[in-house]
Amino acid sequence: MAKKSKMEYFRTEIEELIKKGVSIRSAWKIINSELPDYAKISYMGFYNYAKQFKKK
């Protein structure tokens, strides 16, 4: 079984933020502020994950 991405746990929150019109960078900052220092998500990884919601 494949390991889930950290971003999968925040999928609904990311999708809602993008639908509200929040920029991907701002959504990344919001999600990262909720994570401990050792679990921070890189911007490029987040961008590549979140752009799928931008197209909808």
Protein backbone atom coordinates (compact mmCIF):
# COMPACT_ATOMS: atom_id res chain seq x y z
CA MET A 1 0.00 0.00 0.00
CA ALA A 2 1.37 3.39 -1.00
CA LYS A 3 2.10 5.99 1.64
CA LYS A 4 -0.26 8.96 1.64
CA SER A 5 1.14 12.36 0.86
CA LYS A 6 1.05 14.91 3.69
CA MET A 7 -1.05 17.05 1.41
CA GLU A 8 -3.75 14.37 1.08
CA TYR A 9 -4.64 14.99 4.73
CA PHE A 10 -5.39 18.64 3.84
CA ARG A 11 -7.04 17.95 0.48
CA THR A 12 -10.48 19.34 1.36
CA GLU A 13 -9.01 22.41 3.03
CA ILE A 14 -6.72 23.11 0.06
CA GLU A 15 -9.59 22.63 -2.36
CA GLU A 16 -11.85 25.00 -0.38
CA LEU A 17 -9.15 27.68 -0.16
CA ILE A 18 -8.52 27.56 -3.91
CA LYS A 19 -12.27 27.69 -4.66
CA LYS A 20 -12.56 30.79 -2.47
CA GLY A 21 -9.99 32.51 -4.64
CA VAL A 22 -7.00 32.30 -2.32
CA SER A 23 -3.71 32.20 -4.22
CA ILE A 24 -1.71 28.98 -4.13
CA ARG A 25 1.10 30.75 -2.25
CA SER A 26 -1.30 31.99 0.44
CA ALA A 27 -2.91 28.56 0.75
CA TRP A 28 0.59 27.06 1.16
CA LYS A 29 1.36 29.53 3.96
CA ILE A 30 -1.93 28.71 5.72
CA ILE A 31 -1.37 24.95 5.52
CA ASN A 32 2.28 25.20 6.55
CA SER A 33 1.37 27.33 9.57
CA GLU A 34 -0.65 24.36 10.88
CA LEU A 35 2.26 21.91 10.53
CA PRO A 36 5.16 21.36 12.94
CA ASP A 37 8.62 22.46 11.77
CA TYR A 38 9.75 18.93 10.86
CA ALA A 39 6.73 18.36 8.59
CA LYS A 40 6.73 21.54 6.48
CA ILE A 41 5.79 21.21 2.81
CA SER A 42 7.97 22.71 0.09
CA TYR A 43 6.33 25.35 -2.08
CA MET A 44 7.02 23.53 -5.35
CA GLY A 45 5.54 20.30 -4.05
CA PHE A 46 2.49 22.15 -2.79
CA TYR A 47 2.17 24.11 -6.02
CA ASN A 48 2.23 20.97 -8.15
CA TYR A 49 -0.39 19.35 -5.91
CA ALA A 50 -2.68 22.40 -5.63
CA LYS A 51 -2.72 23.42 -9.29
CA GLN A 52 -5.05 20.50 -10.01
CA PHE A 53 -7.74 22.35 -8.04
CA LYS A 54 -7.04 25.63 -9.83
CA LYS A 55 -8.17 24.16 -13.17
CA LYS A 56 -11.69 23.34 -11.95
